[in-house]
Protein backbone atom coordinates (compact mmCIF):
# COMPACT_ATOMS: atom_id res chain seq x y z
CA MET A 1 -39.37 19.40 -22.98
CA LYS A 2 -42.81 20.36 -22.29
CA THR A 3 -43.78 22.48 -26.09
CA ARG A 4 -41.13 19.55 -27.44
CA LEU A 5 -43.40 16.34 -25.98
CA SER A 6 -47.19 16.72 -26.92
CA LEU A 7 -47.30 14.77 -23.95
CA GLY A 8 -47.63 17.23 -21.74
CA LEU A 9 -44.32 16.63 -19.28
CA GLY A 10 -43.45 18.73 -17.48
CA ALA A 11 -39.61 18.75 -17.28
CA GLY A 12 -39.69 20.17 -13.68
CA THR A 13 -41.97 17.20 -13.44
CA ALA A 14 -38.80 14.59 -14.67
CA ALA A 15 -35.96 16.39 -13.10
CA ALA A 16 -37.89 17.23 -9.90
CA LEU A 17 -38.25 13.49 -8.92
CA ALA A 18 -35.18 12.17 -10.55
CA THR A 19 -33.12 15.32 -8.14
CA ALA A 20 -35.45 13.84 -5.49
CA ALA A 21 -33.64 9.90 -5.93
CA LEU A 22 -30.19 12.71 -5.17
CA MET A 23 -30.22 12.42 -1.38
CA ALA A 24 -30.72 9.30 -0.61
CA SER A 25 -28.10 7.93 1.68
CA ALA A 26 -27.72 5.44 3.73
CA GLY A 27 -27.26 4.87 7.22
CA SER A 28 -27.46 2.97 10.51
CA ALA A 29 -30.17 0.09 11.61
CA GLN A 30 -30.99 2.74 14.77
CA ALA A 31 -31.00 6.30 13.28
CA PRO A 32 -34.10 7.63 12.60
CA PRO A 33 -35.43 8.65 9.45
CA THR A 34 -33.30 11.73 7.24
CA THR A 35 -35.24 13.99 5.54
CA LEU A 36 -33.95 16.60 3.01
CA HIS A 37 -35.75 19.58 0.67
CA LEU A 38 -33.17 20.12 -3.09
CA VAL A 39 -34.54 22.27 -5.63
CA SER A 40 -33.93 20.69 -9.31
CA THR A 41 -33.78 23.14 -12.01
CA SER A 42 -34.31 21.99 -16.09
CA GLN A 43 -30.89 21.75 -17.69
CA LYS A 44 -31.56 23.23 -21.53
CA HIS A 45 -29.76 20.53 -23.88
CA ALA A 46 -29.28 18.12 -20.94
CA GLY A 47 -31.50 15.28 -22.44
CA PHE A 48 -32.76 13.42 -26.40
CA MET A 49 -36.09 13.35 -27.21
CA PRO A 50 -38.05 11.50 -29.75
CA LYS A 51 -38.17 12.90 -33.80
CA GLY A 52 -41.79 12.92 -34.44
CA ALA A 53 -44.97 12.75 -32.40
CA PRO A 54 -43.91 10.68 -29.71
CA ARG A 55 -45.80 7.20 -29.35
CA LEU A 56 -45.28 4.46 -26.26
CA GLY A 57 -42.68 3.02 -26.41
CA ASP A 58 -40.00 5.70 -28.23
CA ARG A 59 -37.61 6.99 -25.36
CA LEU A 60 -37.01 9.90 -24.07
CA GLY A 61 -34.19 11.46 -21.81
CA PHE A 62 -33.69 15.04 -19.19
CA GLY A 63 -30.77 16.50 -17.34
CA ASP A 64 -30.89 18.76 -14.85
CA ARG A 65 -29.37 20.77 -11.57
CA ILE A 66 -29.64 20.26 -8.23
CA THR A 67 -29.30 22.56 -5.40
CA GLY A 68 -30.18 22.38 -1.17
CA ASP A 69 -29.39 20.17 1.57
CA ASP A 70 -27.29 19.17 -1.58
CA THR A 71 -25.32 19.79 -4.66
CA GLY A 72 -25.03 18.14 -8.26
CA TYR A 73 -26.64 17.14 -11.05
CA ASP A 74 -28.93 13.97 -12.63
CA ARG A 75 -29.99 12.53 -16.31
CA ALA A 76 -32.50 10.90 -16.76
CA ALA A 77 -33.25 7.74 -19.74
CA CYS A 78 -37.43 7.03 -19.70
CA THR A 79 -39.69 5.25 -22.04
CA ILE A 80 -43.21 6.24 -22.28
CA VAL A 81 -45.45 3.23 -21.07
CA GLY A 82 -48.56 5.98 -21.11
CA ARG A 83 -50.23 8.92 -22.04
CA PRO A 84 -48.96 11.31 -20.05
CA GLN A 85 -46.81 8.36 -17.63
CA LEU A 86 -42.60 7.84 -18.38
CA LEU A 87 -40.60 5.49 -16.62
CA CYS A 88 -37.21 6.50 -15.98
CA THR A 89 -34.08 5.54 -13.89
CA ILE A 90 -32.10 8.81 -12.97
CA GLN A 91 -28.89 9.23 -12.14
CA VAL A 92 -28.00 11.53 -9.76
CA GLN A 93 -24.74 12.30 -8.97
CA LEU A 94 -23.75 14.58 -5.66
CA SER A 95 -20.40 16.00 -4.39
CA LYS A 96 -20.61 12.74 -1.74
CA GLY A 97 -21.63 10.00 -3.75
CA THR A 98 -23.97 9.27 -6.77
CA LEU A 99 -27.90 7.81 -6.02
CA THR A 100 -30.40 6.31 -8.74
CA VAL A 101 -33.77 6.44 -8.33
CA GLN A 102 -36.74 4.96 -10.32
CA GLY A 103 -39.84 5.18 -10.97
CA MET A 104 -43.22 7.05 -13.07
CA LEU A 105 -43.14 9.59 -13.66
CA PRO A 106 -46.74 12.01 -14.22
CA GLU A 107 -47.13 15.14 -16.27
CA ARG A 108 -47.22 17.09 -13.53
CA ALA A 109 -45.37 15.87 -10.50
CA ASN A 110 -47.70 16.79 -7.41
CA ARG A 111 -45.43 14.97 -3.94
CA THR A 112 -45.18 12.00 -6.14
CA PRO A 113 -43.91 9.51 -4.96
CA VAL A 114 -40.50 8.00 -6.76
CA ALA A 115 -37.84 5.14 -5.11
CA ILE A 116 -34.28 5.93 -4.53
CA THR A 117 -33.58 2.11 -5.23
CA GLY A 118 -29.26 2.12 -4.80
CA GLY A 119 -26.57 5.01 -4.46
CA THR A 120 -22.45 4.49 -3.44
CA GLY A 121 -20.22 6.08 -1.63
CA ALA A 122 -21.63 8.22 1.04
CA TYR A 123 -25.39 7.23 -0.92
CA ASP A 124 -24.13 3.31 -0.84
CA GLY A 125 -26.66 1.79 0.10
CA ALA A 126 -29.67 4.19 -0.58
CA ARG A 127 -33.03 3.59 0.35
CA GLY A 128 -36.29 5.50 0.63
CA THR A 129 -38.46 7.53 -0.97
CA ALA A 130 -38.35 11.18 -2.78
CA LEU A 131 -41.78 12.87 -3.06
CA ALA A 132 -41.34 15.39 -6.31
CA THR A 133 -43.66 18.91 -6.62
CA ASP A 134 -43.87 20.43 -9.60
CA ARG A 135 -43.47 24.19 -9.10
CA GLY A 136 -43.45 25.40 -12.54
CA ASN A 137 -40.09 27.44 -14.96
CA GLY A 138 -38.95 24.60 -14.87
CA THR A 139 -38.29 23.56 -11.58
CA THR A 140 -39.06 20.75 -9.37
CA ASP A 141 -39.08 20.87 -4.98
CA ILE A 142 -38.67 17.12 -3.72
CA ASP A 143 -38.94 16.32 -0.21
CA ILE A 144 -36.79 13.02 0.30
CA THR A 145 -37.35 10.68 3.12
CA LEU A 146 -34.08 8.45 3.83
CA LEU A 147 -34.41 5.02 5.53
CA PRO A 148 -32.52 3.19 8.04
């Protein structure tokens, strides 16, 4: 994504943030927060880019493979809202349900927080925060804290 998008967004950053949302599961009120670790790897041909030079308001999308404490994939749709910032909604499909994530993604993530806003199946009512760190080569580490 970096070479095709002049904003310089790392594919791993967006993917990582999307992936971070994956693991948020609903917990019982008395349960302590749960932490998870995921690795997001960009998938080629799983997204779309604006034609020509990107401008404010343009949309783009991406997809990643998720490994780590759970496995699956994510898909995201983002709007360019600054240089270099994206406002993204990310849907994560895991083996036990889905998660929804939303937030602002920077050019390069370094423990960048993203909100987990919901889920279905085993992740019904999921909420929490994912911290994404871009590792380069299209991979991102995601450390997730799920709230009870």
